[in-house]
Amino acid sequence: MTDNIRDTVILGSGCSGLTAAIYAARANLKPLVIEGHEPGGQLSITTLVENFPGWPEGIQGPQLIENMKQQAARFGAEFRMGHLVSADLSKHPFTLRVGSDTIHTRTLIIASGASARWLGLPSEQALIGHGVSSCATCDGFFFSGKEIAVVGGGDSAMEEALFLTRFATKVTLVHRSEQFRASRIMLERAIAHPKIEFLSNARIEEVLGVEEKEVHGIRVRDTVTGTESTLPISGLFLGIGHEPNAKMFAGQIDLDEDGYVKTHDQVFTRVPGVFACGDVQDRRYRQAITAAGSGCMAALEVEKYLEEHGH
């Protein structure tokens, strides 16, 4: 069995996981990367990325991910399609079930990310990256001088709307009821802002612009009267939060009240040899570059951990 134990397994193939793979592979740890439900993470459904250092003209999200994957593979990282079925972190080596396979590993890097919550509309899904976005700080600049909408009623939606006023001429905050989950201070800031308007008791039925591959409006239904209307906009931002992909570790490592992995000293979990990086433990920044940075940290800590334990 000793011969079949991996030095490290990385769960997730987004920016954090691939950066961890590059560093671990360069350290000759021969990392195994489990690509997960969403290979490439959120960047795989992003169009132009203009804020990743080193790309002055920007780069397409899927291309950036492919470049990182090739870089990791060049140094010896191995990739496997599939997702984690179960994990036993109670004893060393750790045991992972990926599909029908059992994998034993001395260390584990959890880089499984967080999935944006979507409305689930076919038209919305068709226009992701073409006017529909779940990240204001990533894509807000592209809507300078335009009218846009933000969906949601919590602090995330208020933060997105307030940030987007830097670029848009008008931001309509669409919410399905008149009651908001947002904290009082955030709601008051949004109400007071001259560029933000509220459309309450409104449910989005369709995002318009699928044929043109460019958002030009939304069709909304009044949840009280049932009447429908069209709101002309150039962009739709989802502000209904993210779902960290860490449920399978509940009870084995510490998760916060929203399911994000709790870490200390940047990337350490409470289980020795288990590290977490990227959006699965970062609820604040959620940027490609911060995810990459934490992936680097996790890989360096794995290398140090293995050295300290005679591997």
Protein backbone atom coordinates (compact mmCIF):
# COMPACT_ATOMS: atom_id res chain seq x y z
CA MET A 1 0.00 0.00 0.00
CA THR A 2 2.89 2.36 0.75
CA ASP A 3 3.81 2.46 -2.93
CA ASN A 4 0.31 3.62 -3.83
CA ILE A 5 0.16 6.55 -1.42
CA ARG A 6 0.20 9.95 -3.08
CA ASP A 7 2.23 12.78 -1.57
CA THR A 8 -0.57 15.22 -2.30
CA VAL A 9 -3.98 15.35 -3.93
CA ILE A 10 -5.56 18.63 -5.02
CA LEU A 11 -9.34 18.88 -5.18
CA GLY A 12 -10.33 21.44 -7.79
CA SER A 13 -8.91 22.79 -11.03
CA GLY A 14 -9.57 26.51 -10.80
CA CYS A 15 -6.95 29.19 -10.21
CA SER A 16 -6.11 28.06 -6.68
CA GLY A 17 -5.94 24.36 -7.49
CA LEU A 18 -3.87 24.83 -10.64
CA THR A 19 -1.44 27.20 -8.95
CA ALA A 20 -1.04 24.68 -6.14
CA ALA A 21 -0.44 22.02 -8.80
CA ILE A 22 2.28 24.10 -10.48
CA TYR A 23 4.15 24.61 -7.21
CA ALA A 24 3.68 21.05 -5.98
CA ALA A 25 4.78 19.62 -9.32
CA ARG A 26 7.89 21.81 -9.38
CA ALA A 27 8.70 20.43 -5.92
CA ASN A 28 8.56 16.94 -7.48
CA LEU A 29 5.52 15.92 -5.43
CA LYS A 30 3.70 14.57 -8.51
CA PRO A 31 0.33 16.01 -7.46
CA LEU A 32 -2.93 14.44 -8.56
CA VAL A 33 -5.53 17.06 -9.47
CA ILE A 34 -9.19 16.00 -9.27
CA GLU A 35 -10.94 18.32 -11.69
CA GLY A 36 -14.34 18.30 -9.98
CA HIS A 37 -17.89 19.14 -11.06
CA GLU A 38 -16.82 22.41 -12.73
CA PRO A 39 -13.40 21.87 -14.36
CA GLY A 40 -11.57 25.18 -14.44
CA GLY A 41 -13.82 26.75 -11.84
CA GLN A 42 -15.61 30.03 -12.35
CA LEU A 43 -13.01 31.31 -14.83
CA SER A 44 -14.11 28.60 -17.25
CA ILE A 45 -17.41 30.48 -17.71
CA THR A 46 -15.81 33.93 -17.81
CA THR A 47 -15.05 35.74 -21.04
CA LEU A 48 -12.37 38.46 -20.93
CA VAL A 49 -10.18 38.68 -17.81
CA GLU A 50 -8.46 42.07 -17.70
CA ASN A 51 -7.19 42.20 -14.12
CA PHE A 52 -4.88 39.17 -14.00
CA PRO A 53 -1.28 40.49 -13.91
CA GLY A 54 0.84 39.84 -16.96
CA TRP A 55 -1.90 40.12 -19.59
CA PRO A 56 -2.01 43.81 -20.60
CA GLU A 57 -4.60 43.16 -23.31
CA GLY A 58 -6.57 40.74 -21.16
CA ILE A 59 -7.08 37.03 -21.69
CA GLN A 60 -10.14 34.82 -22.07
CA GLY A 61 -10.95 32.99 -18.83
CA PRO A 62 -10.92 29.48 -20.36
CA GLN A 63 -7.58 30.21 -22.05
CA LEU A 64 -6.03 31.38 -18.77
CA ILE A 65 -7.16 28.14 -17.12
CA GLU A 66 -5.84 26.04 -20.03
CA ASN A 67 -2.47 27.83 -19.84
CA MET A 68 -2.20 27.11 -16.12
CA LYS A 69 -3.18 23.48 -16.63
CA GLN A 70 -0.53 23.00 -19.32
CA GLN A 71 2.04 24.65 -17.07
CA ALA A 72 1.22 22.27 -14.20
CA ALA A 73 1.25 19.24 -16.52
CA ARG A 74 4.64 20.26 -17.89
CA PHE A 75 6.13 19.85 -14.42
CA GLY A 76 4.48 16.49 -13.80
CA ALA A 77 1.02 17.17 -12.38
CA GLU A 78 -1.52 14.46 -13.17
CA PHE A 79 -5.16 15.27 -13.88
CA ARG A 80 -8.20 13.10 -13.36
CA MET A 81 -11.77 13.89 -14.34
CA GLY A 82 -14.32 13.16 -11.64
CA HIS A 83 -15.48 14.45 -8.31
CA LEU A 84 -15.04 13.50 -4.69
CA VAL A 85 -17.62 11.01 -3.43
CA SER A 86 -16.33 10.73 0.15
CA ALA A 87 -13.27 11.43 2.26
CA ASP A 88 -11.90 9.98 5.47
CA LEU A 89 -9.59 12.49 7.15
CA SER A 90 -9.61 10.74 10.53
CA LYS A 91 -6.33 8.91 10.01
CA HIS A 92 -3.14 9.07 7.94
CA PRO A 93 -2.88 8.52 5.08
CA PHE A 94 -6.19 10.13 4.12
CA THR A 95 -8.61 8.05 2.05
CA LEU A 96 -10.54 9.60 -0.82
CA ARG A 97 -13.22 8.04 -2.98
CA VAL A 98 -13.26 9.53 -6.46
CA GLY A 99 -15.90 7.86 -8.59
CA SER A 100 -15.30 4.13 -8.07
CA ASP A 101 -11.60 4.61 -7.23
CA THR A 102 -9.97 4.76 -3.80
CA ILE A 103 -7.01 7.09 -3.41
CA HIS A 104 -4.67 7.34 -0.42
CA THR A 105 -2.72 10.54 0.15
CA ARG A 106 -0.39 11.97 2.78
CA THR A 107 -1.69 15.51 2.27
CA LEU A 108 -4.78 17.10 0.81
CA ILE A 109 -5.33 20.54 -0.71
CA ILE A 110 -8.99 21.53 -0.83
CA ALA A 111 -9.38 23.96 -3.74
CA SER A 112 -12.94 23.04 -4.65
CA GLY A 113 -14.11 26.64 -4.92
CA ALA A 114 -17.53 28.17 -4.46
CA SER A 115 -20.30 28.05 -7.02
CA ALA A 116 -22.33 31.17 -7.69
CA ARG A 117 -26.03 30.85 -7.02
CA TRP A 118 -28.01 31.35 -10.22
CA LEU A 119 -31.68 31.89 -10.96
CA GLY A 120 -31.74 28.71 -13.05
CA LEU A 121 -33.25 30.27 -16.17
CA PRO A 122 -32.15 28.83 -19.54
CA SER A 123 -31.78 32.36 -20.93
CA GLU A 124 -29.63 33.36 -17.96
CA GLN A 125 -27.33 30.36 -18.42
CA ALA A 126 -27.04 31.05 -22.15
CA LEU A 127 -25.88 34.62 -21.50
CA ILE A 128 -23.28 34.02 -18.79
CA GLY A 129 -20.24 35.92 -19.96
CA HIS A 130 -22.34 37.87 -22.46
CA GLY A 131 -23.93 40.36 -20.12
CA VAL A 132 -24.84 38.05 -17.23
CA SER A 133 -22.30 37.91 -14.41
CA SER A 134 -21.96 36.85 -10.79
CA CYS A 135 -18.95 39.08 -10.05
CA ALA A 136 -19.22 42.86 -10.05
CA THR A 137 -15.54 43.44 -9.30
CA CYS A 138 -14.60 41.16 -12.19
CA ASP A 139 -16.93 42.54 -14.84
CA GLY A 140 -18.25 45.92 -13.71
CA PHE A 141 -15.82 47.89 -15.86
CA PHE A 142 -17.36 46.47 -19.05
CA PHE A 143 -20.63 48.26 -18.28
CA SER A 144 -19.31 51.79 -18.01
CA GLY A 145 -21.98 54.27 -19.10
CA LYS A 146 -24.73 51.62 -19.29
CA GLU A 147 -27.88 50.73 -17.36
CA ILE A 148 -27.75 47.42 -15.52
CA ALA A 149 -29.64 45.38 -12.92
CA VAL A 150 -28.64 43.44 -9.81
CA VAL A 151 -30.74 40.57 -8.45
CA GLY A 152 -30.98 39.93 -4.72
CA GLY A 153 -32.03 41.32 -1.37
CA GLY A 154 -29.12 40.63 0.95
CA ASP A 155 -25.84 42.35 1.73
CA SER A 156 -24.20 40.73 -1.32
CA ALA A 157 -26.70 42.39 -3.63
CA MET A 158 -26.30 45.78 -1.92
CA GLU A 159 -22.51 45.55 -2.12
CA GLU A 160 -22.67 44.62 -5.81
CA ALA A 161 -25.10 47.44 -6.60
CA LEU A 162 -23.06 50.05 -4.74
CA PHE A 163 -19.85 48.94 -6.42
CA LEU A 164 -21.44 48.99 -9.87
CA THR A 165 -22.50 52.64 -9.49
CA ARG A 166 -18.86 53.46 -10.21
CA PHE A 167 -19.43 52.41 -13.80
CA ALA A 168 -23.13 52.24 -14.66
CA THR A 169 -25.37 55.24 -15.19
CA LYS A 170 -28.21 53.42 -13.43
CA VAL A 171 -28.44 50.27 -11.31
CA THR A 172 -31.84 48.66 -10.73
CA LEU A 173 -31.96 46.35 -7.74
CA VAL A 174 -34.49 43.59 -8.47
CA HIS A 175 -35.93 41.66 -5.54
CA ARG A 176 -38.80 39.21 -5.34
CA SER A 177 -40.40 40.78 -2.23
CA GLU A 178 -40.53 44.03 -0.26
CA GLN A 179 -38.60 42.51 2.65
CA PHE A 180 -34.82 42.62 2.42
CA ARG A 181 -32.34 40.36 4.23
CA ALA A 182 -29.64 43.02 3.98
CA SER A 183 -28.33 44.69 7.10
CA ARG A 184 -29.90 48.04 7.85
CA ILE A 185 -26.75 50.03 7.12
CA MET A 186 -26.22 48.40 3.72
CA LEU A 187 -29.85 48.84 2.74
CA GLU A 188 -29.83 52.49 3.77
CA ARG A 189 -26.69 53.12 1.72
CA ALA A 190 -28.28 51.59 -1.35
CA ILE A 191 -31.54 53.51 -0.89
CA ALA A 192 -29.64 56.77 -0.48
CA HIS A 193 -27.55 56.35 -3.61
CA PRO A 194 -28.86 58.47 -6.51
CA LYS A 195 -27.90 55.88 -9.15
CA ILE A 196 -29.73 52.96 -7.51
CA GLU A 197 -33.42 52.27 -8.05
CA PHE A 198 -35.43 49.45 -6.48
CA LEU A 199 -37.81 47.09 -8.27
CA SER A 200 -39.51 45.10 -5.51
CA ASN A 201 -42.02 42.25 -5.71
CA ALA A 202 -40.45 41.34 -9.03
CA ARG A 203 -39.36 37.93 -10.29
CA ILE A 204 -37.21 37.64 -13.40
CA GLU A 205 -38.87 35.35 -15.94
CA GLU A 206 -36.41 35.71 -18.81
CA VAL A 207 -33.18 37.45 -19.75
CA LEU A 208 -33.56 38.99 -23.19
CA GLY A 209 -30.85 38.80 -25.84
CA VAL A 210 -30.10 35.09 -26.29
CA GLU A 211 -30.26 35.23 -30.09
CA GLU A 212 -28.06 38.33 -30.20
CA LYS A 213 -25.73 36.84 -27.54
CA GLU A 214 -25.92 40.14 -25.68
CA VAL A 215 -28.24 41.17 -22.85
CA HIS A 216 -30.66 43.94 -23.80
CA GLY A 217 -33.32 43.53 -21.10
CA ILE A 218 -35.16 41.35 -18.62
CA ARG A 219 -38.79 40.28 -18.51
CA VAL A 220 -40.11 40.49 -14.97
CA ARG A 221 -43.36 39.41 -13.33
CA ASP A 222 -44.95 41.29 -10.44
CA THR A 223 -45.26 38.73 -7.63
CA VAL A 224 -48.39 40.48 -6.29
CA THR A 225 -50.41 41.34 -9.40
CA GLY A 226 -48.93 38.81 -11.85
CA THR A 227 -48.43 41.45 -14.53
CA GLU A 228 -45.33 41.32 -16.70
CA SER A 229 -43.10 44.13 -17.90
CA THR A 230 -39.74 44.55 -19.62
CA LEU A 231 -36.80 46.39 -18.14
CA PRO A 232 -34.23 47.48 -20.74
CA ILE A 233 -30.70 46.87 -19.41
CA SER A 234 -27.28 45.99 -20.81
CA GLY A 235 -26.12 43.76 -17.98
CA LEU A 236 -27.50 41.53 -15.23
CA PHE A 237 -25.53 40.77 -12.07
CA LEU A 238 -26.45 37.99 -9.65
CA GLY A 239 -26.13 39.10 -6.04
CA ILE A 240 -27.65 36.07 -4.35
CA GLY A 241 -24.44 34.67 -2.95
CA HIS A 242 -22.13 31.73 -3.46
CA GLU A 243 -22.22 28.12 -2.30
CA PRO A 244 -18.82 26.85 -1.11
CA ASN A 245 -18.12 23.31 -2.32
CA ALA A 246 -17.17 21.87 1.05
CA LYS A 247 -20.24 20.00 2.31
CA MET A 248 -18.48 16.64 1.99
CA PHE A 249 -16.04 17.72 4.74
CA ALA A 250 -18.67 18.70 7.32
CA GLY A 251 -17.79 17.16 10.67
CA GLN A 252 -14.18 16.46 9.67
CA ILE A 253 -12.84 19.99 9.33
CA ASP A 254 -14.31 23.25 10.60
CA LEU A 255 -16.78 25.09 8.37
CA ASP A 256 -18.36 28.46 9.15
CA GLU A 257 -22.10 29.12 9.27
CA ASP A 258 -22.26 29.50 5.48
CA GLY A 259 -20.20 26.40 4.73
CA TYR A 260 -16.82 28.02 3.98
CA VAL A 261 -13.75 26.14 5.23
CA LYS A 262 -12.29 27.79 8.32
CA THR A 263 -8.53 28.26 8.01
CA HIS A 264 -5.83 29.73 10.22
CA ASP A 265 -2.44 31.10 9.14
CA GLN A 266 -3.95 31.54 5.68
CA VAL A 267 -4.39 27.93 4.50
CA PHE A 268 -4.24 25.54 7.49
CA THR A 269 -7.34 23.58 8.51
CA ARG A 270 -7.63 21.99 11.96
CA VAL A 271 -6.56 18.63 10.50
CA PRO A 272 -2.76 18.35 10.10
CA GLY A 273 -1.90 17.73 6.47
CA VAL A 274 -5.15 19.19 5.13
CA PHE A 275 -5.00 22.65 3.61
CA ALA A 276 -7.62 24.83 1.92
CA CYS A 277 -7.20 27.63 -0.59
CA GLY A 278 -9.20 29.79 -2.97
CA ASP A 279 -12.91 30.51 -2.90
CA VAL A 280 -13.78 27.49 -0.76
CA GLN A 281 -12.28 29.40 2.18
CA ASP A 282 -12.25 33.00 0.92
CA ARG A 283 -15.61 34.69 1.27
CA ARG A 284 -14.18 38.20 1.03
CA TYR A 285 -12.02 38.70 -2.06
CA ARG A 286 -12.98 35.90 -4.47
CA GLN A 287 -10.56 37.02 -7.19
CA ALA A 288 -8.50 34.90 -9.55
CA ILE A 289 -5.25 36.42 -8.33
CA THR A 290 -6.02 35.95 -4.62
CA ALA A 291 -7.08 32.37 -5.31
CA ALA A 292 -3.81 31.77 -7.15
CA GLY A 293 -1.84 33.31 -4.28
CA SER A 294 -3.48 31.07 -1.69
CA GLY A 295 -2.89 28.05 -3.93
CA CYS A 296 0.81 28.88 -3.90
CA MET A 297 0.74 29.11 -0.09
CA ALA A 298 -1.01 25.76 0.25
CA ALA A 299 1.51 23.98 -1.96
CA LEU A 300 4.47 25.48 -0.10
CA GLU A 301 2.94 24.37 3.22
CA VAL A 302 2.39 20.86 1.83
CA GLU A 303 6.05 20.68 0.83
CA LYS A 304 7.11 21.83 4.30
CA TYR A 305 4.73 19.41 6.02
CA LEU A 306 6.03 16.42 4.03
CA GLU A 307 9.64 17.35 4.77
CA GLU A 308 8.88 17.64 8.48
CA HIS A 309 7.27 14.19 8.45
CA GLY A 310 10.13 12.46 6.65
CA HIS A 311 8.66 12.33 3.15
